[in-house]
Amino acid sequence: MTFTDRTLPATLDRLVVGRRRETEVLVAALAAGRHVLLEGPPGTGKSTLLRALAEGAGLDFELVEGNAELTPARLVGHHDPSRVMAEGYSPDVFVEGPLALAMRQGSLLYVEEINRVPEETLNVLITVMSEAELNVPRLGRITAAKGFRLVAAMNPFDAVGTARISSAIYDRTCRILMGYQEAEDEVEIVRRGVEPVSAPPEWMAKVVDLVRLTRRHPDIRVGSSVRGALDTVMVAAALAELRGRRRIDPQVGLDAALAALSGRIRIHEGSARTAEQIVTELWEQVFGRARDGGWSEHAPEDGEAEEEAGEDGPGPGGGKAKAPPA
């Protein structure tokens, strides 16, 4: 299957929620023989989009995790020291790294977190993008086969541990901005991600609303991605079973949200509030105050019978659920 195959968008629609515009631009750029830079905050589907594209098009791709330890030798490859001692330098003793392998096979090279990669390693990638070849000492020249493309992903510069990308990288790539998706797309992502766990759709939509509010709160510098909503739903399901309650129980949901979101958000340096305080505030803004009964949905959950009338539950006094019998 090629990039111009008309069945490709349908395949991607099955694997990727939304992202039609970004998908089409990525496919077009790769079909035109361009290298691509996907830029956006964590949890916006950069890796998912590329994996779906490779699967849909039947393409091989080499994955590289960008970090400070990614040296040129780890990226390109190296000569096996033990075999060099016995056989000397020859092509047979060279161990290909992901870059050399992708160039030889004509496949995609996907570099995650490229703005965490050391400058000397970035210089190697710049040479390959410009010349489509690479000179390796004691090995010779490696020429990129037809189909080789570099796709890099990066978080915004202000993320911890990142650095500014030089203009040389931007000048050799097509940049696609990957922002957060629409609310309905994030709800669908959560619905797919928590299967086979069932939860009321209205309640899951409110969890997504809660997560999206963390991106606009004045005391929060970096909000949560949709992964926070996925974790909230899954933790709430397990916690409800542990406590013998329903997952829409207000105290169950709040405790799950605190666990899923308090470590994901980043508070402004000048704020005197804690992450737990802000998550609780946002939870009560969306679901209501937990001690006043919280969310007012009383319908039984999928696959659950109504709770017995005499079962203890959270009331105006904020009492905790009774522990299930041992």
C-alpha atoms as a PDB file:
ATOM      1  CA  MET A   1       0.000   0.000   0.000  1.00  0.00           C
ATOM      2  CA  THR A   2       1.298   3.447  -0.895  1.00  0.00           C
ATOM      3  CA  PHE A   3       0.691   6.888   0.535  1.00  0.00           C
ATOM      4  CA  THR A   4      -1.598   7.719  -2.389  1.00  0.00           C
ATOM      5  CA  ASP A   5      -3.836   4.680  -1.884  1.00  0.00           C
ATOM      6  CA  ARG A   6      -7.403   5.967  -1.433  1.00  0.00           C
ATOM      7  CA  THR A   7      -8.137   3.327   1.209  1.00  0.00           C
ATOM      8  CA  LEU A   8      -5.517   4.787   3.544  1.00  0.00           C
ATOM      9  CA  PRO A   9      -7.641   7.561   5.124  1.00  0.00           C
ATOM     10  CA  ALA A  10     -10.360   5.022   6.003  1.00  0.00           C
ATOM     11  CA  THR A  11      -7.762   2.825   7.690  1.00  0.00           C
ATOM     12  CA  LEU A  12      -6.461   5.750   9.700  1.00  0.00           C
ATOM     13  CA  ASP A  13      -9.978   6.797  10.710  1.00  0.00           C
ATOM     14  CA  ARG A  14     -10.405   3.380  12.269  1.00  0.00           C
ATOM     15  CA  LEU A  15      -7.213   3.686  14.304  1.00  0.00           C
ATOM     16  CA  VAL A  16      -7.094   7.421  15.092  1.00  0.00           C
ATOM     17  CA  VAL A  17      -9.886   9.477  16.672  1.00  0.00           C
ATOM     18  CA  GLY A  18     -10.327  12.743  14.808  1.00  0.00           C
ATOM     19  CA  ARG A  19      -7.123  14.310  13.476  1.00  0.00           C
ATOM     20  CA  ARG A  20      -8.351  14.279   9.882  1.00  0.00           C
ATOM     21  CA  ARG A  21      -6.548  17.483   8.910  1.00  0.00           C
ATOM     22  CA  GLU A  22      -3.272  16.500  10.595  1.00  0.00           C
ATOM     23  CA  THR A  23      -3.483  13.017   9.084  1.00  0.00           C
ATOM     24  CA  GLU A  24      -3.964  14.319   5.565  1.00  0.00           C
ATOM     25  CA  VAL A  25      -1.109  16.815   5.882  1.00  0.00           C
ATOM     26  CA  LEU A  26       1.228  14.137   7.300  1.00  0.00           C
ATOM     27  CA  VAL A  27       0.376  11.682   4.507  1.00  0.00           C
ATOM     28  CA  ALA A  28       0.846  14.394   1.878  1.00  0.00           C
ATOM     29  CA  ALA A  29       4.206  15.505   3.287  1.00  0.00           C
ATOM     30  CA  LEU A  30       5.573  11.961   3.420  1.00  0.00           C
ATOM     31  CA  ALA A  31       4.254  11.224  -0.076  1.00  0.00           C
ATOM     32  CA  ALA A  32       6.085  14.325  -1.296  1.00  0.00           C
ATOM     33  CA  GLY A  33       9.330  12.984   0.136  1.00  0.00           C
ATOM     34  CA  ARG A  34       9.532  15.512   2.969  1.00  0.00           C
ATOM     35  CA  HIS A  35      10.712  15.019   6.528  1.00  0.00           C
ATOM     36  CA  VAL A  36       8.182  15.958   9.213  1.00  0.00           C
ATOM     37  CA  LEU A  37       8.198  17.477  12.695  1.00  0.00           C
ATOM     38  CA  LEU A  38       5.139  16.810  14.889  1.00  0.00           C
ATOM     39  CA  GLU A  39       4.963  19.420  17.636  1.00  0.00           C
ATOM     40  CA  GLY A  40       2.523  19.495  20.538  1.00  0.00           C
ATOM     41  CA  PRO A  41       2.050  18.834  24.260  1.00  0.00           C
ATOM     42  CA  PRO A  42       2.120  15.298  25.708  1.00  0.00           C
ATOM     43  CA  GLY A  43      -0.905  13.114  25.133  1.00  0.00           C
ATOM     44  CA  THR A  44      -2.005  14.657  21.839  1.00  0.00           C
ATOM     45  CA  GLY A  45      -1.555  11.474  19.795  1.00  0.00           C
ATOM     46  CA  LYS A  46       1.698  12.150  17.962  1.00  0.00           C
ATOM     47  CA  SER A  47       3.011   8.596  18.348  1.00  0.00           C
ATOM     48  CA  THR A  48      -0.435   7.078  17.826  1.00  0.00           C
ATOM     49  CA  LEU A  49      -0.869   8.897  14.531  1.00  0.00           C
ATOM     50  CA  LEU A  50       2.455   7.760  13.129  1.00  0.00           C
ATOM     51  CA  ARG A  51       2.010   4.154  14.279  1.00  0.00           C
ATOM     52  CA  ALA A  52      -1.434   4.071  12.679  1.00  0.00           C
ATOM     53  CA  LEU A  53      -0.020   5.489   9.467  1.00  0.00           C
ATOM     54  CA  ALA A  54       2.753   2.907   9.348  1.00  0.00           C
ATOM     55  CA  GLU A  55       0.316   0.082  10.048  1.00  0.00           C
ATOM     56  CA  GLY A  56      -2.226   1.313   7.518  1.00  0.00           C
ATOM     57  CA  ALA A  57       0.379   1.773   4.789  1.00  0.00           C
ATOM     58  CA  GLY A  58       2.284  -1.427   5.599  1.00  0.00           C
ATOM     59  CA  LEU A  59       5.477   0.522   6.327  1.00  0.00           C
ATOM     60  CA  ASP A  60       8.335  -0.394   8.602  1.00  0.00           C
ATOM     61  CA  PHE A  61       9.591   2.228  10.995  1.00  0.00           C
ATOM     62  CA  GLU A  62      12.398   2.449  13.500  1.00  0.00           C
ATOM     63  CA  LEU A  63      11.625   4.055  16.844  1.00  0.00           C
ATOM     64  CA  VAL A  64      14.210   6.159  18.680  1.00  0.00           C
ATOM     65  CA  GLU A  65      13.584   7.566  22.142  1.00  0.00           C
ATOM     66  CA  GLY A  66      15.158  10.990  22.340  1.00  0.00           C
ATOM     67  CA  ASN A  67      17.125  11.699  25.500  1.00  0.00           C
ATOM     68  CA  ALA A  68      20.457  13.096  26.660  1.00  0.00           C
ATOM     69  CA  GLU A  69      22.101   9.655  26.311  1.00  0.00           C
ATOM     70  CA  LEU A  70      21.354   9.327  22.591  1.00  0.00           C
ATOM     71  CA  THR A  71      24.880   9.616  21.199  1.00  0.00           C
ATOM     72  CA  PRO A  72      25.737   9.520  17.482  1.00  0.00           C
ATOM     73  CA  ALA A  73      27.100   5.980  17.938  1.00  0.00           C
ATOM     74  CA  ARG A  74      23.810   4.766  19.433  1.00  0.00           C
ATOM     75  CA  LEU A  75      21.849   6.393  16.643  1.00  0.00           C
ATOM     76  CA  VAL A  76      24.023   5.413  13.669  1.00  0.00           C
ATOM     77  CA  GLY A  77      25.622   2.191  14.870  1.00  0.00           C
ATOM     78  CA  HIS A  78      29.052   0.955  15.950  1.00  0.00           C
ATOM     79  CA  HIS A  79      31.681  -1.673  15.256  1.00  0.00           C
ATOM     80  CA  ASP A  80      31.525  -4.681  17.552  1.00  0.00           C
ATOM     81  CA  PRO A  81      34.721  -4.362  19.656  1.00  0.00           C
ATOM     82  CA  SER A  82      35.182  -8.085  20.217  1.00  0.00           C
ATOM     83  CA  ARG A  83      34.837  -8.907  16.536  1.00  0.00           C
ATOM     84  CA  VAL A  84      37.096  -6.016  15.552  1.00  0.00           C
ATOM     85  CA  MET A  85      39.830  -7.528  17.748  1.00  0.00           C
ATOM     86  CA  ALA A  86      39.452 -10.882  15.984  1.00  0.00           C
ATOM     87  CA  GLU A  87      38.563  -9.879  12.431  1.00  0.00           C
ATOM     88  CA  GLY A  88      39.521  -6.231  12.047  1.00  0.00           C
ATOM     89  CA  TYR A  89      37.302  -3.485  10.656  1.00  0.00           C
ATOM     90  CA  SER A  90      34.893  -4.681   7.992  1.00  0.00           C
ATOM     91  CA  PRO A  91      31.221  -4.178   7.105  1.00  0.00           C
ATOM     92  CA  ASP A  92      30.417  -7.525   8.722  1.00  0.00           C
ATOM     93  CA  VAL A  93      31.396  -6.336  12.214  1.00  0.00           C
ATOM     94  CA  PHE A  94      29.355  -3.134  12.040  1.00  0.00           C
ATOM     95  CA  VAL A  95      26.216  -3.222  14.217  1.00  0.00           C
ATOM     96  CA  GLU A  96      23.600  -1.009  12.616  1.00  0.00           C
ATOM     97  CA  GLY A  97      21.787   1.524  14.736  1.00  0.00           C
ATOM     98  CA  PRO A  98      18.208   2.630  14.009  1.00  0.00           C
ATOM     99  CA  LEU A  99      19.339   5.407  11.641  1.00  0.00           C
ATOM    100  CA  ALA A 100      21.571   3.179   9.510  1.00  0.00           C
ATOM    101  CA  LEU A 101      18.891   0.469   9.459  1.00  0.00           C
ATOM    102  CA  ALA A 102      16.125   2.858   8.387  1.00  0.00           C
ATOM    103  CA  MET A 103      18.324   4.361   5.670  1.00  0.00           C
ATOM    104  CA  ARG A 104      19.292   0.964   4.281  1.00  0.00           C
ATOM    105  CA  GLN A 105      15.719  -0.393   4.332  1.00  0.00           C
ATOM    106  CA  GLY A 106      14.060   2.815   3.121  1.00  0.00           C
ATOM    107  CA  SER A 107      11.735   2.944   6.136  1.00  0.00           C
ATOM    108  CA  LEU A 108      10.529   5.643   8.507  1.00  0.00           C
ATOM    109  CA  LEU A 109      12.752   6.797  11.345  1.00  0.00           C
ATOM    110  CA  TYR A 110      10.653   8.117  14.220  1.00  0.00           C
ATOM    111  CA  VAL A 111      12.547  10.191  16.805  1.00  0.00           C
ATOM    112  CA  GLU A 112      10.537  10.925  19.933  1.00  0.00           C
ATOM    113  CA  GLU A 113      11.331  14.007  22.022  1.00  0.00           C
ATOM    114  CA  ILE A 114      13.836  15.370  19.520  1.00  0.00           C
ATOM    115  CA  ASN A 115      14.312  18.501  21.628  1.00  0.00           C
ATOM    116  CA  ARG A 116      15.931  16.348  24.324  1.00  0.00           C
ATOM    117  CA  VAL A 117      18.593  15.004  21.941  1.00  0.00           C
ATOM    118  CA  PRO A 118      22.209  16.303  22.293  1.00  0.00           C
ATOM    119  CA  GLU A 119      23.363  18.798  19.681  1.00  0.00           C
ATOM    120  CA  GLU A 120      26.081  16.536  18.260  1.00  0.00           C
ATOM    121  CA  THR A 121      23.461  13.868  17.546  1.00  0.00           C
ATOM    122  CA  LEU A 122      21.144  16.424  15.967  1.00  0.00           C
ATOM    123  CA  ASN A 123      23.962  17.402  13.633  1.00  0.00           C
ATOM    124  CA  VAL A 124      24.028  13.838  12.317  1.00  0.00           C
ATOM    125  CA  LEU A 125      20.301  14.019  11.556  1.00  0.00           C
ATOM    126  CA  ILE A 126      20.736  17.388   9.843  1.00  0.00           C
ATOM    127  CA  THR A 127      23.358  15.885   7.529  1.00  0.00           C
ATOM    128  CA  VAL A 128      21.136  12.945   6.660  1.00  0.00           C
ATOM    129  CA  MET A 129      18.124  15.174   5.947  1.00  0.00           C
ATOM    130  CA  SER A 130      20.219  17.407   3.700  1.00  0.00           C
ATOM    131  CA  GLU A 131      22.307  14.869   1.798  1.00  0.00           C
ATOM    132  CA  ALA A 132      20.319  11.606   2.150  1.00  0.00           C
ATOM    133  CA  GLU A 133      23.616   9.918   2.965  1.00  0.00           C
ATOM    134  CA  LEU A 134      25.987   9.432   5.861  1.00  0.00           C
ATOM    135  CA  ASN A 135      29.723   8.778   6.077  1.00  0.00           C
ATOM    136  CA  VAL A 136      30.705   6.389   8.854  1.00  0.00           C
ATOM    137  CA  PRO A 137      34.397   6.094   9.800  1.00  0.00           C
ATOM    138  CA  ARG A 138      35.978   2.750   8.792  1.00  0.00           C
ATOM    139  CA  LEU A 139      32.715   1.727   7.127  1.00  0.00           C
ATOM    140  CA  GLY A 140      32.126   4.186   4.325  1.00  0.00           C
ATOM    141  CA  ARG A 141      29.073   5.884   2.944  1.00  0.00           C
ATOM    142  CA  ILE A 142      25.505   4.852   3.736  1.00  0.00           C
ATOM    143  CA  THR A 143      23.003   6.087   1.168  1.00  0.00           C
ATOM    144  CA  ALA A 144      19.335   6.362   2.068  1.00  0.00           C
ATOM    145  CA  ALA A 145      17.140   3.991   0.084  1.00  0.00           C
ATOM    146  CA  LYS A 146      13.963   5.216  -1.560  1.00  0.00           C
ATOM    147  CA  GLY A 147      11.212   5.697   1.020  1.00  0.00           C
ATOM    148  CA  PHE A 148      13.428   6.801   3.887  1.00  0.00           C
ATOM    149  CA  ARG A 149      11.812   9.608   5.884  1.00  0.00           C
ATOM    150  CA  LEU A 150      12.530  11.183   9.232  1.00  0.00           C
ATOM    151  CA  VAL A 151       9.542  11.946  11.442  1.00  0.00           C
ATOM    152  CA  ALA A 152      10.379  13.702  14.704  1.00  0.00           C
ATOM    153  CA  ALA A 153       8.114  14.605  17.607  1.00  0.00           C
ATOM    154  CA  MET A 154       8.646  17.217  20.268  1.00  0.00           C
ATOM    155  CA  ASN A 155       6.880  18.832  23.201  1.00  0.00           C
ATOM    156  CA  PRO A 156       6.811  22.604  23.585  1.00  0.00           C
ATOM    157  CA  PHE A 157      10.080  24.194  24.628  1.00  0.00           C
ATOM    158  CA  ASP A 158       8.900  25.059  28.149  1.00  0.00           C
ATOM    159  CA  ALA A 159       8.552  21.382  29.115  1.00  0.00           C
ATOM    160  CA  VAL A 160      11.124  20.221  31.671  1.00  0.00           C
ATOM    161  CA  GLY A 161      14.332  18.851  30.144  1.00  0.00           C
ATOM    162  CA  THR A 162      13.754  20.258  26.671  1.00  0.00           C
ATOM    163  CA  ALA A 163      15.863  22.669  24.640  1.00  0.00           C
ATOM    164  CA  ARG A 164      15.219  24.908  21.684  1.00  0.00           C
ATOM    165  CA  ILE A 165      15.478  23.247  18.296  1.00  0.00           C
ATOM    166  CA  SER A 166      17.836  24.979  15.898  1.00  0.00           C
ATOM    167  CA  SER A 167      16.532  26.647  12.777  1.00  0.00           C
ATOM    168  CA  ALA A 168      18.452  24.034  10.754  1.00  0.00           C
ATOM    169  CA  ILE A 169      15.966  21.367  11.896  1.00  0.00           C
ATOM    170  CA  TYR A 170      12.938  23.530  11.145  1.00  0.00           C
ATOM    171  CA  ASP A 171      14.390  24.448   7.754  1.00  0.00           C
ATOM    172  CA  ARG A 172      14.577  20.777   6.745  1.00  0.00           C
ATOM    173  CA  THR A 173      11.185  19.611   7.986  1.00  0.00           C
ATOM    174  CA  CYS A 174       7.509  20.295   7.508  1.00  0.00           C
ATOM    175  CA  ARG A 175       6.030  21.236  10.890  1.00  0.00           C
ATOM    176  CA  ILE A 176       2.598  19.952  11.921  1.00  0.00           C
ATOM    177  CA  LEU A 177       1.147  21.409  15.111  1.00  0.00           C
ATOM    178  CA  MET A 178      -0.728  18.845  17.240  1.00  0.00           C
ATOM    179  CA  GLY A 179      -2.931  20.647  19.765  1.00  0.00           C
ATOM    180  CA  TYR A 180      -5.485  19.156  22.119  1.00  0.00           C
ATOM    181  CA  GLN A 181      -8.505  17.658  20.394  1.00  0.00           C
ATOM    182  CA  GLU A 182     -12.144  18.669  20.620  1.00  0.00           C
ATOM    183  CA  ALA A 183     -14.156  17.538  23.633  1.00  0.00           C
ATOM    184  CA  GLU A 184     -16.192  14.970  21.695  1.00  0.00           C
ATOM    185  CA  ASP A 185     -13.009  13.421  20.291  1.00  0.00           C
ATOM    186  CA  GLU A 186     -11.497  13.127  23.768  1.00  0.00           C
ATOM    187  CA  VAL A 187     -14.690  11.492  25.049  1.00  0.00           C
ATOM    188  CA  GLU A 188     -14.421   8.937  22.246  1.00  0.00           C
ATOM    189  CA  ILE A 189     -10.753   8.322  23.089  1.00  0.00           C
ATOM    190  CA  VAL A 190     -11.712   7.616  26.693  1.00  0.00           C
ATOM    191  CA  ARG A 191     -14.587   5.370  25.652  1.00  0.00           C
ATOM    192  CA  ARG A 192     -12.290   3.274  23.464  1.00  0.00           C
ATOM    193  CA  GLY A 193      -9.468   3.314  25.987  1.00  0.00           C
ATOM    194  CA  VAL A 194     -11.451   2.013  28.957  1.00  0.00           C
ATOM    195  CA  GLU A 195     -13.153  -0.895  27.190  1.00  0.00           C
ATOM    196  CA  PRO A 196     -14.334  -3.362  28.408  1.00  0.00           C
ATOM    197  CA  VAL A 197     -14.915  -1.276  31.575  1.00  0.00           C
ATOM    198  CA  SER A 198     -18.362   0.292  31.341  1.00  0.00           C
ATOM    199  CA  ALA A 199     -19.365   3.631  32.812  1.00  0.00           C
ATOM    200  CA  PRO A 200     -22.269   6.026  32.205  1.00  0.00           C
ATOM    201  CA  PRO A 201     -21.460   8.098  29.083  1.00  0.00           C
ATOM    202  CA  GLU A 202     -22.601  11.300  30.779  1.00  0.00           C
ATOM    203  CA  TRP A 203     -20.239  10.663  33.680  1.00  0.00           C
ATOM    204  CA  MET A 204     -17.275   9.979  31.367  1.00  0.00           C
ATOM    205  CA  ALA A 205     -18.035  13.200  29.482  1.00  0.00           C
ATOM    206  CA  LYS A 206     -17.899  15.093  32.775  1.00  0.00           C
ATOM    207  CA  VAL A 207     -14.520  13.501  33.568  1.00  0.00           C
ATOM    208  CA  VAL A 208     -13.251  14.803  30.230  1.00  0.00           C
ATOM    209  CA  ASP A 209     -14.655  18.253  31.072  1.00  0.00           C
ATOM    210  CA  LEU A 210     -12.752  18.136  34.357  1.00  0.00           C
ATOM    211  CA  VAL A 211      -9.487  17.315  32.600  1.00  0.00           C
ATOM    212  CA  ARG A 212      -9.995  20.045  30.002  1.00  0.00           C
ATOM    213  CA  LEU A 213     -10.560  22.602  32.773  1.00  0.00           C
ATOM    214  CA  THR A 214      -7.048  21.918  34.087  1.00  0.00           C
ATOM    215  CA  ARG A 215      -5.688  23.446  30.872  1.00  0.00           C
ATOM    216  CA  ARG A 216      -7.407  26.780  31.519  1.00  0.00           C
ATOM    217  CA  HIS A 217      -7.112  27.227  35.271  1.00  0.00           C
ATOM    218  CA  PRO A 218      -5.174  30.415  36.164  1.00  0.00           C
ATOM    219  CA  ASP A 219      -3.058  28.661  38.801  1.00  0.00           C
ATOM    220  CA  ILE A 220      -2.026  25.804  36.471  1.00  0.00           C
ATOM    221  CA  ARG A 221       0.937  26.224  34.145  1.00  0.00           C
ATOM    222  CA  VAL A 222       0.592  22.833  32.390  1.00  0.00           C
ATOM    223  CA  GLY A 223      -2.725  20.968  32.403  1.00  0.00           C
ATOM    224  CA  SER A 224      -3.455  17.290  31.989  1.00  0.00           C
ATOM    225  CA  SER A 225      -3.727  15.412  28.734  1.00  0.00           C
ATOM    226  CA  VAL A 226      -6.573  13.031  27.952  1.00  0.00           C
ATOM    227  CA  ARG A 227      -4.535  10.332  29.703  1.00  0.00           C
ATOM    228  CA  GLY A 228      -5.691  11.922  32.953  1.00  0.00           C
ATOM    229  CA  ALA A 229      -9.309  11.185  32.010  1.00  0.00           C
ATOM    230  CA  LEU A 230      -8.456   7.603  31.062  1.00  0.00           C
ATOM    231  CA  ASP A 231      -6.740   7.017  34.394  1.00  0.00           C
ATOM    232  CA  THR A 232      -9.569   8.659  36.343  1.00  0.00           C
ATOM    233  CA  VAL A 233     -12.165   6.346  34.802  1.00  0.00           C
ATOM    234  CA  MET A 234     -10.066   3.203  35.250  1.00  0.00           C
ATOM    235  CA  VAL A 235      -9.039   3.991  38.837  1.00  0.00           C
ATOM    236  CA  ALA A 236     -12.636   4.876  39.728  1.00  0.00           C
ATOM    237  CA  ALA A 237     -13.821   1.506  38.401  1.00  0.00           C
ATOM    238  CA  ALA A 238     -11.257  -0.416  40.478  1.00  0.00           C
ATOM    239  CA  LEU A 239     -11.796   1.757  43.557  1.00  0.00           C
ATOM    240  CA  ALA A 240     -15.566   1.349  43.383  1.00  0.00           C
ATOM    241  CA  GLU A 241     -15.188  -2.422  43.296  1.00  0.00           C
ATOM    242  CA  LEU A 242     -12.783  -2.307  46.244  1.00  0.00           C
ATOM    243  CA  ARG A 243     -15.151  -0.193  48.330  1.00  0.00           C
ATOM    244  CA  GLY A 244     -18.291  -1.956  47.242  1.00  0.00           C
ATOM    245  CA  ARG A 245     -19.680   1.237  45.753  1.00  0.00           C
ATOM    246  CA  ARG A 246     -20.634   2.545  42.323  1.00  0.00           C
ATOM    247  CA  ARG A 247     -17.980   4.290  40.300  1.00  0.00           C
ATOM    248  CA  ILE A 248     -20.170   7.389  40.032  1.00  0.00           C
ATOM    249  CA  ASP A 249     -20.115   7.702  43.825  1.00  0.00           C
ATOM    250  CA  PRO A 250     -18.805  11.250  44.434  1.00  0.00           C
ATOM    251  CA  GLN A 251     -16.083  10.282  46.894  1.00  0.00           C
ATOM    252  CA  VAL A 252     -14.924   7.423  44.651  1.00  0.00           C
ATOM    253  CA  GLY A 253     -14.678   9.747  41.659  1.00  0.00           C
ATOM    254  CA  LEU A 254     -12.919  12.504  43.571  1.00  0.00           C
ATOM    255  CA  ASP A 255     -10.320  10.148  45.028  1.00  0.00           C
ATOM    256  CA  ALA A 256      -9.698   8.686  41.552  1.00  0.00           C
ATOM    257  CA  ALA A 257      -9.318  12.173  40.064  1.00  0.00           C
ATOM    258  CA  LEU A 258      -6.861  13.204  42.784  1.00  0.00           C
ATOM    259  CA  ALA A 259      -4.727  10.153  42.067  1.00  0.00           C
ATOM    260  CA  ALA A 260      -4.891  10.585  38.280  1.00  0.00           C
ATOM    261  CA  LEU A 261      -4.473  14.359  37.978  1.00  0.00           C
ATOM    262  CA  SER A 262      -2.530  15.769  40.934  1.00  0.00           C
ATOM    263  CA  GLY A 263       0.798  14.536  39.538  1.00  0.00           C
ATOM    264  CA  ARG A 264       0.058  15.511  35.949  1.00  0.00           C
ATOM    265  CA  ILE A 265      -0.644  19.194  36.402  1.00  0.00           C
ATOM    266  CA  ARG A 266       2.076  21.788  36.994  1.00  0.00           C
ATOM    267  CA  ILE A 267       1.280  24.725  39.280  1.00  0.00           C
ATOM    268  CA  HIS A 268       2.632  28.219  38.652  1.00  0.00           C
ATOM    269  CA  GLU A 269       5.601  29.034  40.857  1.00  0.00           C
ATOM    270  CA  GLY A 270       3.846  31.971  42.519  1.00  0.00           C
ATOM    271  CA  SER A 271       0.714  30.026  43.476  1.00  0.00           C
ATOM    272  CA  ALA A 272       0.182  29.168  47.151  1.00  0.00           C
ATOM    273  CA  ARG A 273      -2.294  26.389  46.335  1.00  0.00           C
ATOM    274  CA  THR A 274      -1.573  22.689  46.037  1.00  0.00           C
ATOM    275  CA  ALA A 275      -2.459  20.425  43.138  1.00  0.00           C
ATOM    276  CA  GLU A 276      -4.904  18.531  45.374  1.00  0.00           C
ATOM    277  CA  GLN A 277      -6.749  21.733  46.267  1.00  0.00           C
ATOM    278  CA  ILE A 278      -7.120  22.753  42.638  1.00  0.00           C
ATOM    279  CA  VAL A 279      -8.253  19.301  41.473  1.00  0.00           C
ATOM    280  CA  THR A 280     -10.854  19.236  44.281  1.00  0.00           C
ATOM    281  CA  GLU A 281     -12.064  22.712  43.273  1.00  0.00           C
ATOM    282  CA  LEU A 282     -12.439  21.676  39.636  1.00  0.00           C
ATOM    283  CA  TRP A 283     -14.120  18.406  40.598  1.00  0.00           C
ATOM    284  CA  GLU A 284     -16.753  20.256  42.637  1.00  0.00           C
ATOM    285  CA  GLN A 285     -17.181  22.738  39.799  1.00  0.00           C
ATOM    286  CA  VAL A 286     -18.081  19.910  37.402  1.00  0.00           C
ATOM    287  CA  PHE A 287     -19.723  17.311  39.658  1.00  0.00           C
ATOM    288  CA  GLY A 288     -20.862  19.285  42.706  1.00  0.00           C
ATOM    289  CA  ARG A 289     -19.604  19.165  46.270  1.00  0.00           C
ATOM    290  CA  ALA A 290     -18.838  15.618  47.383  1.00  0.00           C
ATOM    291  CA  ARG A 291     -20.156  16.168  50.899  1.00  0.00           C
ATOM    292  CA  ASP A 292     -23.479  17.363  49.490  1.00  0.00           C
ATOM    293  CA  GLY A 293     -24.036  14.231  47.455  1.00  0.00           C
ATOM    294  CA  GLY A 294     -22.008  15.116  44.373  1.00  0.00           C
ATOM    295  CA  TRP A 295     -23.219  14.086  40.953  1.00  0.00           C
ATOM    296  CA  SER A 296     -27.001  13.679  40.865  1.00  0.00           C
ATOM    297  CA  GLU A 297     -27.212  10.777  38.421  1.00  0.00           C
ATOM    298  CA  HIS A 298     -29.194   7.981  40.103  1.00  0.00           C
ATOM    299  CA  ALA A 299     -29.595   5.523  37.243  1.00  0.00           C
ATOM    300  CA  PRO A 300     -27.817   2.163  37.736  1.00  0.00           C
ATOM    301  CA  GLU A 301     -24.583   1.668  35.861  1.00  0.00           C
ATOM    302  CA  ASP A 302     -24.306  -0.720  32.937  1.00  0.00           C
ATOM    303  CA  GLY A 303     -24.419  -4.285  34.209  1.00  0.00           C
ATOM    304  CA  GLU A 304     -25.273  -3.219  37.778  1.00  0.00           C
ATOM    305  CA  ALA A 305     -28.472  -3.604  39.750  1.00  0.00           C
ATOM    306  CA  GLU A 306     -29.765  -0.812  41.921  1.00  0.00           C
ATOM    307  CA  GLU A 307     -28.089  -0.675  45.296  1.00  0.00           C
ATOM    308  CA  GLU A 308     -30.137  -1.995  48.152  1.00  0.00           C
ATOM    309  CA  ALA A 309     -32.157   0.659  49.944  1.00  0.00           C
ATOM    310  CA  GLY A 310     -30.421   0.027  53.243  1.00  0.00           C
ATOM    311  CA  GLU A 311     -26.852   0.300  51.883  1.00  0.00           C
ATOM    312  CA  ASP A 312     -24.832   3.097  53.399  1.00  0.00           C
ATOM    313  CA  GLY A 313     -23.846   5.864  51.019  1.00  0.00           C
ATOM    314  CA  PRO A 314     -22.470   9.371  51.122  1.00  0.00           C
ATOM    315  CA  GLY A 315     -25.005  11.798  52.536  1.00  0.00           C
ATOM    316  CA  PRO A 316     -25.045  15.367  53.720  1.00  0.00           C
ATOM    317  CA  GLY A 317     -22.648  14.488  56.510  1.00  0.00           C
ATOM    318  CA  GLY A 318     -20.037  13.214  54.060  1.00  0.00           C
ATOM    319  CA  GLY A 319     -19.831   9.702  55.585  1.00  0.00           C
ATOM    320  CA  LYS A 320     -17.621   7.213  53.805  1.00  0.00           C
ATOM    321  CA  ALA A 321     -18.927   4.062  52.173  1.00  0.00           C
ATOM    322  CA  LYS A 322     -19.178   0.966  54.332  1.00  0.00           C
ATOM    323  CA  ALA A 323     -16.406  -1.518  53.587  1.00  0.00           C
ATOM    324  CA  PRO A 324     -17.538  -4.708  51.843  1.00  0.00           C
ATOM    325  CA  PRO A 325     -17.586  -7.861  54.004  1.00  0.00           C
ATOM    326  CA  ALA A 326     -14.390  -9.881  54.017  1.00  0.00           C
END
